[in-house]
């Protein structure tokens, strides 16, 4: 499984998190595991403003394709935020909260796509270009 094989909305969420310099991006494929969603997008923000900015960017990018979160939690918190889009959930953690909740361990049987942190100045193709070339 790789990033290109994921649904477009999940790829857009990953791209939005990258736009705001989130680190440790990981997608867990929970389909077939009896979970309440198909994918978790997990990332780390290093400050309260960054956690909030990542959430705002994810919502903004997905709004462009007509997707809005069904539920939000923890956005004002500096430790953790959640955006539930139904078929996937975006988790934005502080470093400490990510270690504490350790979703990677809890869902260790899930297939995973680890997205390398991008070096400064890296150029990537936008998943949004599939809709609006």
N, C-alpha and C. Protein backbone atom coordinates (compact mmCIF):
# COMPACT_ATOMS: atom_id res chain seq x y z
N UNK A 1 0.85 -1.17 0.00
CA UNK A 1 0.00 0.00 0.00
C UNK A 1 0.90 1.24 0.00
N UNK A 2 0.53 2.22 -0.84
CA UNK A 2 1.29 3.46 -0.88
C UNK A 2 0.32 4.64 -0.94
N UNK A 3 0.86 5.84 -0.88
CA UNK A 3 0.05 7.05 -0.83
C UNK A 3 -0.87 7.16 -2.04
N UNK A 4 -0.39 6.80 -3.22
CA UNK A 4 -1.19 6.91 -4.44
C UNK A 4 -2.39 5.98 -4.43
N UNK A 5 -2.35 4.91 -3.65
CA UNK A 5 -3.46 3.95 -3.62
C UNK A 5 -4.57 4.38 -2.66
N UNK A 6 -4.36 5.45 -1.91
CA UNK A 6 -5.35 5.91 -0.95
C UNK A 6 -6.41 6.76 -1.64
N UNK A 7 -7.61 6.86 -1.04
CA UNK A 7 -8.65 7.72 -1.60
C UNK A 7 -8.18 9.17 -1.68
N UNK A 8 -8.70 9.89 -2.66
CA UNK A 8 -8.27 11.27 -2.90
C UNK A 8 -8.41 12.15 -1.66
N UNK A 9 -9.52 12.03 -0.92
CA UNK A 9 -9.73 12.88 0.25
C UNK A 9 -8.66 12.63 1.30
N UNK A 10 -8.24 11.39 1.47
CA UNK A 10 -7.18 11.07 2.43
C UNK A 10 -5.86 11.69 1.96
N UNK A 11 -5.57 11.58 0.67
CA UNK A 11 -4.35 12.19 0.13
C UNK A 11 -4.36 13.71 0.30
N UNK A 12 -5.53 14.33 0.11
CA UNK A 12 -5.63 15.78 0.32
C UNK A 12 -5.38 16.15 1.77
N UNK A 13 -5.88 15.34 2.71
CA UNK A 13 -5.64 15.61 4.13
C UNK A 13 -4.15 15.52 4.44
N UNK A 14 -3.48 14.53 3.86
CA UNK A 14 -2.03 14.39 4.05
C UNK A 14 -1.32 15.62 3.49
N UNK A 15 -1.68 16.01 2.28
CA UNK A 15 -1.05 17.17 1.65
C UNK A 15 -1.28 18.44 2.47
N UNK A 16 -2.48 18.61 3.00
CA UNK A 16 -2.78 19.79 3.81
C UNK A 16 -1.91 19.82 5.06
N UNK A 17 -1.74 18.67 5.71
CA UNK A 17 -0.89 18.59 6.90
C UNK A 17 0.56 18.92 6.53
N UNK A 18 1.01 18.43 5.38
CA UNK A 18 2.36 18.74 4.91
C UNK A 18 2.50 20.24 4.66
N UNK A 19 1.47 20.86 4.12
CA UNK A 19 1.51 22.31 3.85
C UNK A 19 1.79 23.12 5.11
N UNK A 20 1.36 22.60 6.26
CA UNK A 20 1.56 23.30 7.53
C UNK A 20 2.69 22.68 8.34
N UNK A 21 3.54 21.92 7.67
CA UNK A 21 4.77 21.37 8.25
C UNK A 21 4.53 20.39 9.40
N UNK A 22 3.40 19.67 9.35
CA UNK A 22 3.18 18.61 10.34
C UNK A 22 4.26 17.55 10.13
N UNK A 23 4.63 16.86 11.18
CA UNK A 23 5.68 15.85 11.12
C UNK A 23 5.11 14.48 11.43
N UNK A 24 5.89 13.47 11.10
CA UNK A 24 5.52 12.10 11.44
C UNK A 24 4.20 11.66 10.83
N UNK A 25 3.94 12.09 9.61
CA UNK A 25 2.67 11.73 8.97
C UNK A 25 2.59 10.23 8.72
N UNK A 26 1.45 9.67 9.09
CA UNK A 26 1.21 8.24 8.97
C UNK A 26 -0.25 8.03 8.65
N UNK A 27 -0.55 7.13 7.72
CA UNK A 27 -1.92 6.73 7.43
C UNK A 27 -2.06 5.27 7.80
N UNK A 28 -3.05 4.97 8.64
CA UNK A 28 -3.35 3.59 9.00
C UNK A 28 -4.60 3.17 8.25
N UNK A 29 -4.53 2.04 7.57
CA UNK A 29 -5.67 1.48 6.84
C UNK A 29 -6.41 0.54 7.79
N UNK A 30 -7.56 0.99 8.27
CA UNK A 30 -8.32 0.21 9.24
C UNK A 30 -9.43 -0.61 8.58
N UNK A 31 -9.57 -0.49 7.26
CA UNK A 31 -10.62 -1.24 6.58
C UNK A 31 -10.39 -2.74 6.79
N UNK A 32 -11.46 -3.44 7.04
CA UNK A 32 -11.36 -4.87 7.28
C UNK A 32 -11.01 -5.23 8.71
N UNK A 33 -10.82 -4.24 9.57
CA UNK A 33 -10.47 -4.53 10.97
C UNK A 33 -11.65 -4.33 11.91
N UNK A 34 -12.82 -4.07 11.35
CA UNK A 34 -13.99 -3.86 12.20
C UNK A 34 -14.01 -2.52 12.88
N UNK A 35 -13.26 -1.58 12.35
CA UNK A 35 -13.18 -0.25 12.95
C UNK A 35 -14.36 0.60 12.47
N UNK A 36 -14.56 1.71 13.13
CA UNK A 36 -15.65 2.63 12.82
C UNK A 36 -15.33 3.54 11.64
N UNK A 37 -14.13 3.45 11.11
CA UNK A 37 -13.69 4.26 9.98
C UNK A 37 -12.70 3.44 9.16
N UNK A 38 -12.41 3.88 7.95
CA UNK A 38 -11.49 3.13 7.09
C UNK A 38 -10.03 3.51 7.28
N UNK A 39 -9.78 4.80 7.60
CA UNK A 39 -8.40 5.29 7.71
C UNK A 39 -8.24 6.25 8.88
N UNK A 40 -7.07 6.21 9.48
CA UNK A 40 -6.60 7.25 10.39
C UNK A 40 -5.46 7.97 9.69
N UNK A 41 -5.50 9.29 9.68
CA UNK A 41 -4.36 10.10 9.28
C UNK A 41 -3.82 10.67 10.58
N UNK A 42 -2.57 10.38 10.90
CA UNK A 42 -1.97 10.79 12.17
C UNK A 42 -0.76 11.67 11.88
N UNK A 43 -0.65 12.76 12.62
CA UNK A 43 0.53 13.62 12.46
C UNK A 43 0.80 14.38 13.75
N UNK A 44 1.95 15.03 13.78
CA UNK A 44 2.40 15.77 14.96
C UNK A 44 2.57 17.24 14.62
N UNK A 45 2.05 18.09 15.51
CA UNK A 45 2.29 19.53 15.46
C UNK A 45 3.12 19.90 16.68
N UNK A 46 3.94 20.94 16.56
CA UNK A 46 4.89 21.25 17.62
C UNK A 46 4.49 22.42 18.51
N UNK A 47 3.30 22.98 18.26
CA UNK A 47 2.80 24.07 19.10
C UNK A 47 1.28 24.14 18.93
N UNK A 48 0.62 24.82 19.86
CA UNK A 48 -0.83 24.99 19.75
C UNK A 48 -1.21 25.67 18.44
N UNK A 49 -0.54 26.76 18.05
CA UNK A 49 -0.90 27.38 16.77
C UNK A 49 -0.70 26.44 15.58
N UNK A 50 0.34 25.60 15.61
CA UNK A 50 0.56 24.69 14.49
C UNK A 50 -0.52 23.62 14.44
N UNK A 51 -0.91 23.07 15.58
CA UNK A 51 -1.98 22.07 15.61
C UNK A 51 -3.25 22.68 15.01
N UNK A 52 -3.58 23.90 15.42
CA UNK A 52 -4.76 24.57 14.89
C UNK A 52 -4.62 24.85 13.39
N UNK A 53 -3.44 25.28 12.96
CA UNK A 53 -3.22 25.58 11.54
C UNK A 53 -3.35 24.33 10.68
N UNK A 54 -2.85 23.20 11.17
CA UNK A 54 -2.98 21.95 10.43
C UNK A 54 -4.46 21.61 10.26
N UNK A 55 -5.23 21.72 11.34
CA UNK A 55 -6.66 21.43 11.26
C UNK A 55 -7.37 22.36 10.28
N UNK A 56 -7.06 23.63 10.35
CA UNK A 56 -7.69 24.60 9.44
C UNK A 56 -7.34 24.30 8.00
N UNK A 57 -6.10 23.94 7.73
CA UNK A 57 -5.68 23.63 6.36
C UNK A 57 -6.36 22.36 5.86
N UNK A 58 -6.46 21.34 6.70
CA UNK A 58 -7.14 20.10 6.30
C UNK A 58 -8.59 20.41 5.96
N UNK A 59 -9.26 21.14 6.84
CA UNK A 59 -10.66 21.48 6.57
C UNK A 59 -10.80 22.31 5.29
N UNK A 60 -9.92 23.27 5.09
CA UNK A 60 -9.98 24.12 3.90
C UNK A 60 -9.78 23.34 2.62
N UNK A 61 -8.78 22.46 2.59
CA UNK A 61 -8.52 21.66 1.39
C UNK A 61 -9.68 20.72 1.08
N UNK A 62 -10.22 20.10 2.11
CA UNK A 62 -11.31 19.15 1.88
C UNK A 62 -12.63 19.85 1.55
N UNK A 63 -12.79 21.06 2.06
CA UNK A 63 -13.98 21.85 1.71
C UNK A 63 -14.02 22.10 0.20
N UNK A 64 -12.85 22.26 -0.41
CA UNK A 64 -12.77 22.51 -1.86
C UNK A 64 -13.35 21.36 -2.68
N UNK A 65 -13.38 20.15 -2.12
CA UNK A 65 -13.97 19.01 -2.83
C UNK A 65 -15.31 18.60 -2.20
N UNK A 66 -15.87 19.51 -1.42
CA UNK A 66 -17.20 19.27 -0.86
C UNK A 66 -17.25 18.39 0.36
N UNK A 67 -16.13 18.25 1.07
CA UNK A 67 -16.10 17.43 2.28
C UNK A 67 -15.94 18.32 3.50
N UNK A 68 -16.73 18.07 4.51
CA UNK A 68 -16.64 18.77 5.80
C UNK A 68 -16.62 17.73 6.90
N UNK A 69 -15.95 18.04 8.01
CA UNK A 69 -15.93 17.06 9.10
C UNK A 69 -17.32 16.86 9.69
N UNK A 70 -17.61 15.62 10.02
CA UNK A 70 -18.86 15.30 10.69
C UNK A 70 -18.77 15.62 12.18
N UNK A 71 -17.54 15.64 12.68
CA UNK A 71 -17.32 15.88 14.11
C UNK A 71 -15.91 16.43 14.30
N UNK A 72 -15.75 17.31 15.28
CA UNK A 72 -14.45 17.86 15.65
C UNK A 72 -14.28 17.72 17.16
N UNK A 73 -13.06 17.48 17.58
CA UNK A 73 -12.75 17.46 19.01
C UNK A 73 -11.38 18.07 19.24
N UNK A 74 -11.24 18.74 20.37
CA UNK A 74 -9.94 19.16 20.85
C UNK A 74 -9.21 20.24 20.08
N UNK A 75 -9.86 20.95 19.18
CA UNK A 75 -9.13 21.92 18.36
C UNK A 75 -8.50 23.03 19.18
N UNK A 76 -9.09 23.43 20.25
CA UNK A 76 -8.53 24.52 21.06
C UNK A 76 -7.44 24.01 22.00
N UNK A 77 -7.34 22.71 22.10
CA UNK A 77 -6.34 22.09 22.96
C UNK A 77 -4.97 22.15 22.31
N UNK A 78 -3.96 22.26 23.12
CA UNK A 78 -2.60 22.25 22.57
C UNK A 78 -2.08 20.83 22.40
N UNK A 79 -2.78 19.84 22.90
CA UNK A 79 -2.27 18.48 22.91
C UNK A 79 -2.78 17.60 21.78
N UNK A 80 -4.03 17.83 21.33
CA UNK A 80 -4.61 16.88 20.39
C UNK A 80 -5.84 17.47 19.73
N UNK A 81 -6.04 17.18 18.47
CA UNK A 81 -7.25 17.58 17.75
C UNK A 81 -7.66 16.43 16.84
N UNK A 82 -8.96 16.32 16.62
CA UNK A 82 -9.51 15.25 15.79
C UNK A 82 -10.51 15.85 14.83
N UNK A 83 -10.43 15.44 13.57
CA UNK A 83 -11.41 15.80 12.55
C UNK A 83 -11.94 14.50 11.97
N UNK A 84 -13.24 14.25 12.17
CA UNK A 84 -13.87 13.01 11.71
C UNK A 84 -14.62 13.27 10.41
N UNK A 85 -14.12 12.71 9.33
CA UNK A 85 -14.75 12.86 8.02
C UNK A 85 -15.56 11.63 7.63
N UNK A 86 -15.88 10.78 8.60
CA UNK A 86 -16.68 9.59 8.34
C UNK A 86 -15.81 8.43 7.89
N UNK A 87 -15.39 8.44 6.64
CA UNK A 87 -14.58 7.33 6.12
C UNK A 87 -13.13 7.41 6.56
N UNK A 88 -12.74 8.56 7.11
CA UNK A 88 -11.40 8.68 7.69
C UNK A 88 -11.40 9.74 8.79
N UNK A 89 -10.44 9.61 9.70
CA UNK A 89 -10.30 10.51 10.84
C UNK A 89 -8.88 11.06 10.84
N UNK A 90 -8.76 12.38 10.99
CA UNK A 90 -7.46 13.03 11.08
C UNK A 90 -7.17 13.32 12.55
N UNK A 91 -6.03 12.85 13.04
CA UNK A 91 -5.57 13.11 14.40
C UNK A 91 -4.32 13.99 14.31
N UNK A 92 -4.36 15.14 14.98
CA UNK A 92 -3.19 16.02 15.05
C UNK A 92 -2.80 16.09 16.52
N UNK A 93 -1.63 15.56 16.84
CA UNK A 93 -1.16 15.45 18.22
C UNK A 93 0.03 16.36 18.47
N UNK A 94 0.19 16.76 19.74
CA UNK A 94 1.49 17.27 20.18
C UNK A 94 2.40 16.05 20.30
N UNK A 95 3.71 16.28 20.42
CA UNK A 95 4.63 15.15 20.55
C UNK A 95 4.29 14.30 21.78
N UNK A 96 4.04 14.96 22.90
CA UNK A 96 3.76 14.25 24.15
C UNK A 96 2.46 13.45 24.05
N UNK A 97 1.41 14.05 23.51
CA UNK A 97 0.13 13.35 23.40
C UNK A 97 0.23 12.17 22.43
N UNK A 98 0.99 12.33 21.38
CA UNK A 98 1.13 11.22 20.42
C UNK A 98 1.80 10.02 21.09
N UNK A 99 2.82 10.28 21.88
CA UNK A 99 3.46 9.18 22.60
C UNK A 99 2.49 8.55 23.61
N UNK A 100 1.71 9.38 24.29
CA UNK A 100 0.79 8.90 25.32
C UNK A 100 -0.31 8.02 24.72
N UNK A 101 -0.98 8.51 23.68
CA UNK A 101 -2.10 7.76 23.09
C UNK A 101 -1.63 6.61 22.21
N UNK A 102 -0.50 6.75 21.57
CA UNK A 102 0.17 5.69 20.82
C UNK A 102 -0.79 4.88 19.94
N UNK A 103 -1.52 5.58 19.07
CA UNK A 103 -2.46 4.91 18.18
C UNK A 103 -1.78 3.89 17.28
N UNK A 104 -0.53 4.16 16.94
CA UNK A 104 0.21 3.22 16.09
C UNK A 104 0.32 1.85 16.76
N UNK A 105 0.52 1.84 18.06
CA UNK A 105 0.60 0.57 18.79
C UNK A 105 -0.78 -0.05 18.93
N UNK A 106 -1.78 0.77 19.26
CA UNK A 106 -3.14 0.25 19.44
C UNK A 106 -3.68 -0.39 18.16
N UNK A 107 -3.32 0.16 17.02
CA UNK A 107 -3.79 -0.34 15.72
C UNK A 107 -2.62 -0.96 14.95
N UNK A 108 -1.74 -1.66 15.65
CA UNK A 108 -0.53 -2.21 15.02
C UNK A 108 -0.82 -3.23 13.92
N UNK A 109 -2.01 -3.83 13.93
CA UNK A 109 -2.34 -4.80 12.87
C UNK A 109 -2.79 -4.13 11.58
N UNK A 110 -2.97 -2.81 11.60
CA UNK A 110 -3.40 -2.08 10.41
C UNK A 110 -2.24 -1.94 9.42
N UNK A 111 -2.58 -1.99 8.14
CA UNK A 111 -1.58 -1.66 7.13
C UNK A 111 -1.29 -0.17 7.27
N UNK A 112 -0.08 0.24 6.92
CA UNK A 112 0.30 1.63 7.13
C UNK A 112 1.06 2.21 5.96
N UNK A 113 0.88 3.51 5.82
CA UNK A 113 1.65 4.28 4.85
C UNK A 113 2.34 5.38 5.65
N UNK A 114 3.67 5.30 5.73
CA UNK A 114 4.43 6.34 6.40
C UNK A 114 4.88 7.34 5.36
N UNK A 115 4.59 8.60 5.62
CA UNK A 115 4.93 9.66 4.68
C UNK A 115 6.16 10.39 5.23
N UNK A 116 7.26 10.38 4.50
CA UNK A 116 8.47 11.04 5.02
C UNK A 116 8.24 12.54 5.17
N UNK A 117 8.84 13.11 6.21
CA UNK A 117 8.81 14.56 6.37
C UNK A 117 9.52 15.16 5.17
N UNK A 118 8.95 16.24 4.64
CA UNK A 118 9.52 16.86 3.44
C UNK A 118 10.63 17.83 3.81
N UNK A 119 11.74 17.74 3.12
CA UNK A 119 12.79 18.74 3.34
C UNK A 119 12.31 20.10 2.84
N UNK A 120 12.85 21.15 3.39
CA UNK A 120 12.49 22.50 2.98
C UNK A 120 12.71 22.67 1.49
N UNK A 121 11.75 23.28 0.83
CA UNK A 121 11.87 23.55 -0.59
C UNK A 121 11.49 22.40 -1.50
N UNK A 122 11.01 21.28 -0.92
CA UNK A 122 10.61 20.14 -1.74
C UNK A 122 9.38 20.50 -2.56
N UNK A 123 9.32 19.96 -3.77
CA UNK A 123 8.19 20.22 -4.65
C UNK A 123 7.41 18.92 -4.79
N UNK A 124 6.08 19.00 -4.68
CA UNK A 124 5.25 17.82 -4.86
C UNK A 124 4.06 18.16 -5.73
N UNK A 125 3.48 17.15 -6.32
CA UNK A 125 2.28 17.33 -7.13
C UNK A 125 1.08 17.31 -6.21
N UNK A 126 0.16 18.22 -6.42
CA UNK A 126 -1.02 18.35 -5.58
C UNK A 126 -2.07 17.31 -5.93
N UNK A 127 -2.66 16.69 -4.90
CA UNK A 127 -3.77 15.77 -5.12
C UNK A 127 -4.98 16.54 -5.64
N UNK A 128 -5.06 17.82 -5.36
CA UNK A 128 -6.18 18.65 -5.84
C UNK A 128 -6.13 18.81 -7.35
N UNK A 129 -4.95 18.63 -7.96
CA UNK A 129 -4.83 18.77 -9.41
C UNK A 129 -5.63 17.71 -10.14
N UNK A 130 -5.98 16.61 -9.46
CA UNK A 130 -6.80 15.59 -10.09
C UNK A 130 -8.19 16.11 -10.41
N UNK A 131 -8.65 17.08 -9.62
CA UNK A 131 -9.97 17.65 -9.82
C UNK A 131 -9.88 18.91 -10.66
N UNK A 132 -8.89 19.76 -10.34
CA UNK A 132 -8.75 21.05 -10.99
C UNK A 132 -7.36 21.18 -11.61
N UNK A 133 -7.10 20.52 -12.73
CA UNK A 133 -5.76 20.59 -13.32
C UNK A 133 -5.42 21.98 -13.79
